[in-house]
């Protein structure tokens, strides 16, 4: 035998190892494809969640602004009530003094 000849048992072992390697590679490729699919699905869900979260945040900001406006209106109405009560009291006092006080 010279160095150029291959022993049939070695050739069979090489083919078996190559076949086993092909099967492992197919499994790895399948896992990579599944991971890619799951990553795409996760990215889509994350983007949808971010959009929904932004909408909720916008609603909270709008509600907060609305409460500030209502608070400002409450203060304004409070002062308007105080001014109206004072004006009514002043007008009543004016009428009382103009008509000469209460009559028995």
PDB file of N, CA and C in Angstrom:
ATOM      1  N   UNK A   1       0.825  -1.176   0.000  1.00  0.00           N
ATOM      2  CA  UNK A   1       0.000   0.000   0.000  1.00  0.00           C
ATOM      3  C   UNK A   1       0.868   1.237   0.000  1.00  0.00           C
ATOM      4  N   UNK A   2       0.494   2.154  -0.874  1.00  0.00           N
ATOM      5  CA  UNK A   2       1.200   3.433  -0.832  1.00  0.00           C
ATOM      6  C   UNK A   2       0.314   4.472  -0.141  1.00  0.00           C
ATOM      7  N   UNK A   3       0.730   5.711   0.027  1.00  0.00           N
ATOM      8  CA  UNK A   3       0.036   6.731   0.786  1.00  0.00           C
ATOM      9  C   UNK A   3      -1.200   7.275   0.099  1.00  0.00           C
ATOM     10  N   UNK A   4      -1.409   6.973  -1.211  1.00  0.00           N
ATOM     11  CA  UNK A   4      -2.551   7.538  -1.930  1.00  0.00           C
ATOM     12  C   UNK A   4      -3.814   6.708  -1.768  1.00  0.00           C
ATOM     13  N   UNK A   5      -3.750   5.569  -1.228  1.00  0.00           N
ATOM     14  CA  UNK A   5      -4.920   4.706  -1.106  1.00  0.00           C
ATOM     15  C   UNK A   5      -5.669   5.005   0.192  1.00  0.00           C
ATOM     16  N   UNK A   6      -7.028   4.925   0.147  1.00  0.00           N
ATOM     17  CA  UNK A   6      -7.865   5.148   1.324  1.00  0.00           C
ATOM     18  C   UNK A   6      -8.386   3.810   1.782  1.00  0.00           C
ATOM     19  N   UNK A   7      -8.368   3.625   3.058  1.00  0.00           N
ATOM     20  CA  UNK A   7      -8.875   2.387   3.626  1.00  0.00           C
ATOM     21  C   UNK A   7     -10.388   2.497   3.661  1.00  0.00           C
ATOM     22  N   UNK A   8     -11.150   1.469   3.180  1.00  0.00           N
ATOM     23  CA  UNK A   8     -12.596   1.562   3.128  1.00  0.00           C
ATOM     24  C   UNK A   8     -13.240   1.848   4.483  1.00  0.00           C
ATOM     25  N   UNK A   9     -12.723   1.328   5.557  1.00  0.00           N
ATOM     26  CA  UNK A   9     -13.305   1.594   6.882  1.00  0.00           C
ATOM     27  C   UNK A   9     -13.172   3.070   7.261  1.00  0.00           C
ATOM     28  N   UNK A  10     -12.031   3.682   6.901  1.00  0.00           N
ATOM     29  CA  UNK A  10     -11.848   5.101   7.185  1.00  0.00           C
ATOM     30  C   UNK A  10     -12.812   5.949   6.359  1.00  0.00           C
ATOM     31  N   UNK A  11     -13.027   5.551   5.123  1.00  0.00           N
ATOM     32  CA  UNK A  11     -13.943   6.273   4.234  1.00  0.00           C
ATOM     33  C   UNK A  11     -15.365   6.216   4.797  1.00  0.00           C
ATOM     34  N   UNK A  12     -15.770   5.069   5.287  1.00  0.00           N
ATOM     35  CA  UNK A  12     -17.101   4.926   5.884  1.00  0.00           C
ATOM     36  C   UNK A  12     -17.209   5.799   7.133  1.00  0.00           C
ATOM     37  N   UNK A  13     -16.181   5.811   7.947  1.00  0.00           N
ATOM     38  CA  UNK A  13     -16.189   6.635   9.166  1.00  0.00           C
ATOM     39  C   UNK A  13     -16.270   8.114   8.813  1.00  0.00           C
ATOM     40  N   UNK A  14     -15.559   8.507   7.775  1.00  0.00           N
ATOM     41  CA  UNK A  14     -15.594   9.916   7.345  1.00  0.00           C
ATOM     42  C   UNK A  14     -16.996  10.284   6.880  1.00  0.00           C
ATOM     43  N   UNK A  15     -17.630   9.432   6.080  1.00  0.00           N
ATOM     44  CA  UNK A  15     -18.997   9.694   5.603  1.00  0.00           C
ATOM     45  C   UNK A  15     -19.991   9.747   6.766  1.00  0.00           C
ATOM     46  N   UNK A  16     -19.818   8.862   7.731  1.00  0.00           N
ATOM     47  CA  UNK A  16     -20.710   8.871   8.896  1.00  0.00           C
ATOM     48  C   UNK A  16     -20.565  10.176   9.685  1.00  0.00           C
ATOM     49  N   UNK A  17     -19.318  10.620   9.850  1.00  0.00           N
ATOM     50  CA  UNK A  17     -19.096  11.881  10.577  1.00  0.00           C
ATOM     51  C   UNK A  17     -19.660  13.059   9.790  1.00  0.00           C
ATOM     52  N   UNK A  18     -19.500  13.037   8.465  1.00  0.00           N
ATOM     53  CA  UNK A  18     -20.062  14.114   7.645  1.00  0.00           C
ATOM     54  C   UNK A  18     -21.589  14.124   7.718  1.00  0.00           C
ATOM     55  N   UNK A  19     -22.204  12.935   7.664  1.00  0.00           N
ATOM     56  CA  UNK A  19     -23.667  12.844   7.771  1.00  0.00           C
ATOM     57  C   UNK A  19     -24.145  13.350   9.135  1.00  0.00           C
ATOM     58  N   UNK A  20     -23.421  12.973  10.194  1.00  0.00           N
ATOM     59  CA  UNK A  20     -23.785  13.442  11.533  1.00  0.00           C
ATOM     60  C   UNK A  20     -23.624  14.962  11.623  1.00  0.00           C
ATOM     61  N   UNK A  21     -22.577  15.491  11.024  1.00  0.00           N
ATOM     62  CA  UNK A  21     -22.368  16.940  10.995  1.00  0.00           C
ATOM     63  C   UNK A  21     -23.473  17.652  10.238  1.00  0.00           C
ATOM     64  N   UNK A  22     -23.914  17.039   9.111  1.00  0.00           N
ATOM     65  CA  UNK A  22     -25.024  17.629   8.337  1.00  0.00           C
ATOM     66  C   UNK A  22     -26.295  17.664   9.174  1.00  0.00           C
ATOM     67  N   UNK A  23     -26.566  16.593   9.920  1.00  0.00           N
ATOM     68  CA  UNK A  23     -27.767  16.557  10.758  1.00  0.00           C
ATOM     69  C   UNK A  23     -27.688  17.617  11.864  1.00  0.00           C
ATOM     70  N   UNK A  24     -26.513  17.732  12.482  1.00  0.00           N
ATOM     71  CA  UNK A  24     -26.358  18.772  13.515  1.00  0.00           C
ATOM     72  C   UNK A  24     -26.549  20.160  12.904  1.00  0.00           C
ATOM     73  N   UNK A  25     -26.006  20.395  11.729  1.00  0.00           N
ATOM     74  CA  UNK A  25     -26.130  21.697  11.064  1.00  0.00           C
ATOM     75  C   UNK A  25     -27.583  21.993  10.717  1.00  0.00           C
ATOM     76  N   UNK A  26     -28.315  20.977  10.255  1.00  0.00           N
ATOM     77  CA  UNK A  26     -29.747  21.173   9.974  1.00  0.00           C
ATOM     78  C   UNK A  26     -30.492  21.566  11.245  1.00  0.00           C
ATOM     79  N   UNK A  27     -30.156  20.930  12.375  1.00  0.00           N
ATOM     80  CA  UNK A  27     -30.778  21.280  13.646  1.00  0.00           C
ATOM     81  C   UNK A  27     -30.447  22.717  14.049  1.00  0.00           C
ATOM     82  N   UNK A  28     -29.194  23.095  13.858  1.00  0.00           N
ATOM     83  CA  UNK A  28     -28.773  24.460  14.192  1.00  0.00           C
ATOM     84  C   UNK A  28     -29.489  25.469  13.296  1.00  0.00           C
ATOM     85  N   UNK A  29     -29.563  25.184  12.003  1.00  0.00           N
ATOM     86  CA  UNK A  29     -30.251  26.090  11.079  1.00  0.00           C
ATOM     87  C   UNK A  29     -31.727  26.210  11.426  1.00  0.00           C
ATOM     88  N   UNK A  30     -32.328  25.095  11.835  1.00  0.00           N
ATOM     89  CA  UNK A  30     -33.730  25.120  12.242  1.00  0.00           C
ATOM     90  C   UNK A  30     -33.913  25.988  13.482  1.00  0.00           C
ATOM     91  N   UNK A  31     -33.004  25.853  14.454  1.00  0.00           N
ATOM     92  CA  UNK A  31     -33.076  26.666  15.666  1.00  0.00           C
ATOM     93  C   UNK A  31     -32.864  28.142  15.356  1.00  0.00           C
ATOM     94  N   UNK A  32     -31.942  28.447  14.452  1.00  0.00           N
ATOM     95  CA  UNK A  32     -31.697  29.839  14.069  1.00  0.00           C
ATOM     96  C   UNK A  32     -32.939  30.420  13.392  1.00  0.00           C
ATOM     97  N   UNK A  33     -33.560  29.641  12.519  1.00  0.00           N
ATOM     98  CA  UNK A  33     -34.775  30.114  11.847  1.00  0.00           C
ATOM     99  C   UNK A  33     -35.886  30.358  12.858  1.00  0.00           C
ATOM    100  N   UNK A  34     -36.055  29.452  13.835  1.00  0.00           N
ATOM    101  CA  UNK A  34     -37.082  29.619  14.861  1.00  0.00           C
ATOM    102  C   UNK A  34     -36.768  30.841  15.730  1.00  0.00           C
ATOM    103  N   UNK A  35     -35.490  31.015  16.105  1.00  0.00           N
ATOM    104  CA  UNK A  35     -35.109  32.190  16.895  1.00  0.00           C
ATOM    105  C   UNK A  35     -35.350  33.482  16.119  1.00  0.00           C
ATOM    106  N   UNK A  36     -35.083  33.470  14.833  1.00  0.00           N
ATOM    107  CA  UNK A  36     -35.342  34.642  13.993  1.00  0.00           C
ATOM    108  C   UNK A  36     -36.826  34.956  13.963  1.00  0.00           C
ATOM    109  N   UNK A  37     -37.665  33.932  13.796  1.00  0.00           N
ATOM    110  CA  UNK A  37     -39.113  34.126  13.772  1.00  0.00           C
ATOM    111  C   UNK A  37     -39.605  34.691  15.102  1.00  0.00           C
ATOM    112  N   UNK A  38     -39.104  34.127  16.203  1.00  0.00           N
ATOM    113  CA  UNK A  38     -39.509  34.598  17.528  1.00  0.00           C
ATOM    114  C   UNK A  38     -39.031  36.032  17.790  1.00  0.00           C
ATOM    115  N   UNK A  39     -37.836  36.356  17.306  1.00  0.00           N
ATOM    116  CA  UNK A  39     -37.317  37.717  17.469  1.00  0.00           C
ATOM    117  C   UNK A  39     -38.172  38.715  16.709  1.00  0.00           C
ATOM    118  N   UNK A  40     -38.567  38.373  15.500  1.00  0.00           N
ATOM    119  CA  UNK A  40     -39.436  39.254  14.708  1.00  0.00           C
ATOM    120  C   UNK A  40     -40.775  39.433  15.413  1.00  0.00           C
ATOM    121  N   UNK A  41     -41.339  38.336  15.916  1.00  0.00           N
ATOM    122  CA  UNK A  41     -42.616  38.407  16.639  1.00  0.00           C
ATOM    123  C   UNK A  41     -42.471  39.276  17.896  1.00  0.00           C
ATOM    124  N   UNK A  42     -41.391  39.077  18.627  1.00  0.00           N
ATOM    125  CA  UNK A  42     -41.150  39.849  19.844  1.00  0.00           C
ATOM    126  C   UNK A  42     -40.976  41.337  19.516  1.00  0.00           C
ATOM    127  N   UNK A  43     -40.260  41.632  18.442  1.00  0.00           N
ATOM    128  CA  UNK A  43     -40.059  43.026  18.040  1.00  0.00           C
ATOM    129  C   UNK A  43     -41.387  43.677  17.686  1.00  0.00           C
ATOM    130  N   UNK A  44     -42.244  42.956  16.982  1.00  0.00           N
ATOM    131  CA  UNK A  44     -43.563  43.481  16.635  1.00  0.00           C
ATOM    132  C   UNK A  44     -44.376  43.756  17.883  1.00  0.00           C
ATOM    133  N   UNK A  45     -44.385  42.812  18.822  1.00  0.00           N
ATOM    134  CA  UNK A  45     -45.132  43.011  20.067  1.00  0.00           C
ATOM    135  C   UNK A  45     -44.564  44.176  20.880  1.00  0.00           C
ATOM    136  N   UNK A  46     -43.244  44.301  20.897  1.00  0.00           N
ATOM    137  CA  UNK A  46     -42.612  45.395  21.634  1.00  0.00           C
ATOM    138  C   UNK A  46     -42.991  46.741  21.032  1.00  0.00           C
ATOM    139  N   UNK A  47     -42.997  46.835  19.712  1.00  0.00           N
ATOM    140  CA  UNK A  47     -43.384  48.096  19.055  1.00  0.00           C
ATOM    141  C   UNK A  47     -44.854  48.414  19.308  1.00  0.00           C
ATOM    142  N   UNK A  48     -45.720  47.406  19.247  1.00  0.00           N
ATOM    143  CA  UNK A  48     -47.144  47.622  19.538  1.00  0.00           C
ATOM    144  C   UNK A  48     -47.316  48.080  20.986  1.00  0.00           C
ATOM    145  N   UNK A  49     -46.591  47.443  21.898  1.00  0.00           N
ATOM    146  CA  UNK A  49     -46.659  47.808  23.303  1.00  0.00           C
ATOM    147  C   UNK A  49     -46.175  49.243  23.515  1.00  0.00           C
ATOM    148  N   UNK A  50     -45.111  49.628  22.830  1.00  0.00           N
ATOM    149  CA  UNK A  50     -44.592  50.993  22.951  1.00  0.00           C
ATOM    150  C   UNK A  50     -45.608  52.009  22.450  1.00  0.00           C
ATOM    151  N   UNK A  51     -46.301  51.684  21.349  1.00  0.00           N
ATOM    152  CA  UNK A  51     -47.316  52.598  20.813  1.00  0.00           C
ATOM    153  C   UNK A  51     -48.482  52.735  21.794  1.00  0.00           C
ATOM    154  N   UNK A  52     -48.924  51.615  22.358  1.00  0.00           N
ATOM    155  CA  UNK A  52     -50.021  51.645  23.325  1.00  0.00           C
ATOM    156  C   UNK A  52     -49.610  52.413  24.577  1.00  0.00           C
ATOM    157  N   UNK A  53     -48.389  52.181  25.033  1.00  0.00           N
ATOM    158  CA  UNK A  53     -47.885  52.886  26.209  1.00  0.00           C
ATOM    159  C   UNK A  53     -47.824  54.383  25.951  1.00  0.00           C
ATOM    160  N   UNK A  54     -47.419  54.784  24.754  1.00  0.00           N
ATOM    161  CA  UNK A  54     -47.358  56.207  24.424  1.00  0.00           C
ATOM    162  C   UNK A  54     -48.754  56.817  24.418  1.00  0.00           C
ATOM    163  N   UNK A  55     -49.755  56.068  23.898  1.00  0.00           N
ATOM    164  CA  UNK A  55     -51.129  56.566  23.906  1.00  0.00           C
ATOM    165  C   UNK A  55     -51.622  56.764  25.344  1.00  0.00           C
ATOM    166  N   UNK A  56     -51.326  55.815  26.216  1.00  0.00           N
ATOM    167  CA  UNK A  56     -51.734  55.932  27.620  1.00  0.00           C
ATOM    168  C   UNK A  56     -51.029  57.127  28.273  1.00  0.00           C
ATOM    169  N   UNK A  57     -49.753  57.297  27.977  1.00  0.00           N
ATOM    170  CA  UNK A  57     -49.008  58.432  28.523  1.00  0.00           C
ATOM    171  C   UNK A  57     -49.620  59.744  28.042  1.00  0.00           C
ATOM    172  N   UNK A  58     -49.976  59.820  26.773  1.00  0.00           N
ATOM    173  CA  UNK A  58     -50.601  61.028  26.239  1.00  0.00           C
ATOM    174  C   UNK A  58     -51.931  61.313  26.930  1.00  0.00           C
ATOM    175  N   UNK A  59     -52.731  60.261  27.197  1.00  0.00           N
ATOM    176  CA  UNK A  59     -53.997  60.441  27.901  1.00  0.00           C
ATOM    177  C   UNK A  59     -53.769  60.958  29.321  1.00  0.00           C
ATOM    178  N   UNK A  60     -52.768  60.431  29.994  1.00  0.00           N
ATOM    179  CA  UNK A  60     -52.475  60.879  31.357  1.00  0.00           C
ATOM    180  C   UNK A  60     -52.031  62.337  31.357  1.00  0.00           C
ATOM    181  N   UNK A  61     -51.189  62.714  30.400  1.00  0.00           N
ATOM    182  CA  UNK A  61     -50.743  64.105  30.302  1.00  0.00           C
ATOM    183  C   UNK A  61     -51.934  65.022  30.019  1.00  0.00           C
ATOM    184  N   UNK A  62     -52.830  64.602  29.115  1.00  0.00           N
ATOM    185  CA  UNK A  62     -54.017  65.400  28.808  1.00  0.00           C
ATOM    186  C   UNK A  62     -54.919  65.530  30.040  1.00  0.00           C
ATOM    187  N   UNK A  63     -55.101  64.446  30.776  1.00  0.00           N
ATOM    188  CA  UNK A  63     -55.930  64.496  31.986  1.00  0.00           C
ATOM    189  C   UNK A  63     -55.299  65.421  33.022  1.00  0.00           C
ATOM    190  N   UNK A  64     -53.985  65.351  33.166  1.00  0.00           N
ATOM    191  CA  UNK A  64     -53.285  66.216  34.114  1.00  0.00           C
ATOM    192  C   UNK A  64     -53.485  67.681  33.741  1.00  0.00           C
ATOM    193  N   UNK A  65     -53.370  67.988  32.460  1.00  0.00           N
ATOM    194  CA  UNK A  65     -53.594  69.348  31.991  1.00  0.00           C
ATOM    195  C   UNK A  65     -55.043  69.771  32.237  1.00  0.00           C
ATOM    196  N   UNK A  66     -55.982  68.861  31.998  1.00  0.00           N
ATOM    197  CA  UNK A  66     -57.392  69.146  32.238  1.00  0.00           C
ATOM    198  C   UNK A  66     -57.664  69.462  33.700  1.00  0.00           C
ATOM    199  N   UNK A  67     -57.036  68.709  34.609  1.00  0.00           N
ATOM    200  CA  UNK A  67     -57.219  68.978  36.030  1.00  0.00           C
ATOM    201  C   UNK A  67     -56.614  70.322  36.424  1.00  0.00           C
ATOM    202  N   UNK A  68     -55.497  70.699  35.783  1.00  0.00           N
ATOM    203  CA  UNK A  68     -54.927  72.016  36.055  1.00  0.00           C
ATOM    204  C   UNK A  68     -55.888  73.111  35.610  1.00  0.00           C
ATOM    205  N   UNK A  69     -56.492  72.933  34.438  1.00  0.00           N
ATOM    206  CA  UNK A  69     -57.457  73.916  33.938  1.00  0.00           C
ATOM    207  C   UNK A  69     -58.655  73.987  34.875  1.00  0.00           C
ATOM    208  N   UNK A  70     -59.182  72.833  35.276  1.00  0.00           N
ATOM    209  CA  UNK A  70     -60.324  72.826  36.202  1.00  0.00           C
ATOM    210  C   UNK A  70     -59.952  73.458  37.542  1.00  0.00           C
ATOM    211  N   UNK A  71     -58.744  73.214  38.006  1.00  0.00           N
ATOM    212  CA  UNK A  71     -58.284  73.841  39.242  1.00  0.00           C
ATOM    213  C   UNK A  71     -58.231  75.352  39.103  1.00  0.00           C
ATOM    214  N   UNK A  72     -57.737  75.822  37.956  1.00  0.00           N
ATOM    215  CA  UNK A  72     -57.698  77.262  37.691  1.00  0.00           C
ATOM    216  C   UNK A  72     -59.094  77.854  37.625  1.00  0.00           C
ATOM    217  N   UNK A  73     -60.013  77.132  36.980  1.00  0.00           N
ATOM    218  CA  UNK A  73     -61.404  77.599  36.922  1.00  0.00           C
ATOM    219  C   UNK A  73     -62.014  77.627  38.317  1.00  0.00           C
ATOM    220  N   UNK A  74     -61.700  76.650  39.140  1.00  0.00           N
ATOM    221  CA  UNK A  74     -62.207  76.624  40.514  1.00  0.00           C
ATOM    222  C   UNK A  74     -61.746  77.845  41.294  1.00  0.00           C
ATOM    223  N   UNK A  75     -60.477  78.196  41.150  1.00  0.00           N
ATOM    224  CA  UNK A  75     -59.951  79.384  41.833  1.00  0.00           C
ATOM    225  C   UNK A  75     -60.650  80.631  41.306  1.00  0.00           C
ATOM    226  N   UNK A  76     -60.819  80.700  39.986  1.00  0.00           N
ATOM    227  CA  UNK A  76     -61.489  81.865  39.390  1.00  0.00           C
ATOM    228  C   UNK A  76     -62.931  81.969  39.885  1.00  0.00           C
ATOM    229  N   UNK A  77     -63.659  80.855  39.912  1.00  0.00           N
ATOM    230  CA  UNK A  77     -65.050  80.891  40.394  1.00  0.00           C
ATOM    231  C   UNK A  77     -65.116  81.223  41.882  1.00  0.00           C
ATOM    232  N   UNK A  78     -64.148  80.770  42.645  1.00  0.00           N
ATOM    233  CA  UNK A  78     -64.106  81.097  44.073  1.00  0.00           C
ATOM    234  C   UNK A  78     -64.011  82.608  44.242  1.00  0.00           C
ATOM    235  N   UNK A  79     -63.070  83.227  43.520  1.00  0.00           N
ATOM    236  CA  UNK A  79     -62.911  84.676  43.619  1.00  0.00           C
ATOM    237  C   UNK A  79     -64.127  85.416  43.076  1.00  0.00           C
ATOM    238  N   UNK A  80     -64.713  84.893  42.021  1.00  0.00           N
ATOM    239  CA  UNK A  80     -65.933  85.526  41.493  1.00  0.00           C
ATOM    240  C   UNK A  80     -67.051  85.451  42.527  1.00  0.00           C
ATOM    241  N   UNK A  81     -67.149  84.355  43.250  1.00  0.00           N
ATOM    242  CA  UNK A  81     -68.150  84.210  44.306  1.00  0.00           C
ATOM    243  C   UNK A  81     -67.905  85.188  45.447  1.00  0.00           C
ATOM    244  N   UNK A  82     -66.637  85.318  45.816  1.00  0.00           N
ATOM    245  CA  UNK A  82     -66.299  86.264  46.888  1.00  0.00           C
ATOM    246  C   UNK A  82     -66.634  87.688  46.459  1.00  0.00           C
ATOM    247  N   UNK A  83     -66.282  88.028  45.229  1.00  0.00           N
ATOM    248  CA  UNK A  83     -66.568  89.377  44.721  1.00  0.00           C
ATOM    249  C   UNK A  83     -68.077  89.595  44.617  1.00  0.00           C
ATOM    250  N   UNK A  84     -68.815  88.594  44.162  1.00  0.00           N
ATOM    251  CA  UNK A  84     -70.276  88.727  44.059  1.00  0.00           C
ATOM    252  C   UNK A  84     -70.907  88.879  45.439  1.00  0.00           C
ATOM    253  N   UNK A  85     -70.427  88.113  46.401  1.00  0.00           N
ATOM    254  CA  UNK A  85     -70.958  88.230  47.759  1.00  0.00           C
ATOM    255  C   UNK A  85     -70.653  89.613  48.333  1.00  0.00           C
ATOM    256  N   UNK A  86     -69.439  90.100  48.118  1.00  0.00           N
ATOM    257  CA  UNK A  86     -69.071  91.437  48.606  1.00  0.00           C
ATOM    258  C   UNK A  86     -69.923  92.505  47.919  1.00  0.00           C
ATOM    259  N   UNK A  87     -70.110  92.376  46.611  1.00  0.00           N
ATOM    260  CA  UNK A  87     -70.931  93.348  45.871  1.00  0.00           C
ATOM    261  C   UNK A  87     -72.373  93.307  46.368  1.00  0.00           C
ATOM    262  N   UNK A  88     -72.894  92.119  46.608  1.00  0.00           N
ATOM    263  CA  UNK A  88     -74.264  92.000  47.128  1.00  0.00           C
ATOM    264  C   UNK A  88     -74.387  92.631  48.509  1.00  0.00           C
ATOM    265  N   UNK A  89     -73.388  92.422  49.341  1.00  0.00           N
ATOM    266  CA  UNK A  89     -73.402  93.019  50.681  1.00  0.00           C
ATOM    267  C   UNK A  89     -73.332  94.537  50.597  1.00  0.00           C
ATOM    268  N   UNK A  90     -72.459  95.038  49.743  1.00  0.00           N
ATOM    269  CA  UNK A  90     -72.327  96.491  49.576  1.00  0.00           C
ATOM    270  C   UNK A  90     -73.630  97.077  49.039  1.00  0.00           C
ATOM    271  N   UNK A  91     -74.242  96.398  48.064  1.00  0.00           N
ATOM    272  CA  UNK A  91     -75.496  96.890  47.491  1.00  0.00           C
ATOM    273  C   UNK A  91     -76.609  96.852  48.546  1.00  0.00           C
ATOM    274  N   UNK A  92     -76.657  95.809  49.347  1.00  0.00           N
ATOM    275  CA  UNK A  92     -77.667  95.720  50.411  1.00  0.00           C
ATOM    276  C   UNK A  92     -77.466  96.838  51.430  1.00  0.00           C
ATOM    277  N   UNK A  93     -76.208  97.093  51.808  1.00  0.00           N
ATOM    278  CA  UNK A  93     -75.924  98.175  52.746  1.00  0.00           C
ATOM    279  C   UNK A  93     -76.326  99.521  52.150  1.00  0.00           C
ATOM    280  N   UNK A  94     -76.052  99.699  50.877  1.00  0.00           N
ATOM    281  CA  UNK A  94     -76.431 100.944  50.188  1.00  0.00           C
ATOM    282  C   UNK A  94     -77.947 101.136  50.236  1.00  0.00           C
ATOM    283  N   UNK A  95     -78.689 100.064  49.894  1.00  0.00           N
ATOM    284  CA  UNK A  95     -80.149 100.173  49.930  1.00  0.00           C
ATOM    285  C   UNK A  95     -80.656 100.434  51.349  1.00  0.00           C
ATOM    286  N   UNK A  96     -80.013  99.818  52.316  1.00  0.00           N
ATOM    287  CA  UNK A  96     -80.417  99.995  53.709  1.00  0.00           C
ATOM    288  C   UNK A  96     -80.239 101.445  54.145  1.00  0.00           C
ATOM    289  N   UNK A  97     -79.085 102.012  53.818  1.00  0.00           N
ATOM    290  CA  UNK A  97     -78.830 103.401  54.192  1.00  0.00           C
ATOM    291  C   UNK A  97     -79.645 104.381  53.369  1.00  0.00           C
ATOM    292  N   UNK A  98     -79.900 104.084  52.102  1.00  0.00           N
ATOM    293  CA  UNK A  98     -80.668 104.977  51.242  1.00  0.00           C
ATOM    294  C   UNK A  98     -82.131 105.081  51.687  1.00  0.00           C
ATOM    295  N   UNK A  99     -82.662 103.970  52.140  1.00  0.00           N
ATOM    296  CA  UNK A  99     -84.058 103.941  52.541  1.00  0.00           C
ATOM    297  C   UNK A  99     -84.242 104.286  54.020  1.00  0.00           C
ATOM    298  N   UNK A 100     -83.220 104.652  54.694  1.00  0.00           N
ATOM    299  CA  UNK A 100     -83.329 105.091  56.062  1.00  0.00           C
ATOM    300  C   UNK A 100     -83.370 103.980  57.087  1.00  0.00           C
ATOM    301  N   UNK A 101     -82.848 102.864  56.810  1.00  0.00           N
ATOM    302  CA  UNK A 101     -82.792 101.780  57.772  1.00  0.00           C
ATOM    303  C   UNK A 101     -84.033 100.927  57.738  1.00  0.00           C
ATOM    304  N   UNK A 102     -84.146 100.052  58.718  1.00  0.00           N
ATOM    305  CA  UNK A 102     -85.302  99.165  58.746  1.00  0.00           C
ATOM    306  C   UNK A 102     -86.494  99.905  59.358  1.00  0.00           C
ATOM    307  N   UNK A 103     -87.684  99.584  58.935  1.00  0.00           N
ATOM    308  CA  UNK A 103     -88.910 100.235  59.422  1.00  0.00           C
ATOM    309  C   UNK A 103     -89.642  99.273  60.315  1.00  0.00           C
ATOM    310  N   UNK A 104     -90.062  99.772  61.494  1.00  0.00           N
ATOM    311  CA  UNK A 104     -90.774  98.879  62.424  1.00  0.00           C
ATOM    312  C   UNK A 104     -92.193  98.568  62.007  1.00  0.00           C
TER     313      UNK A 104
END
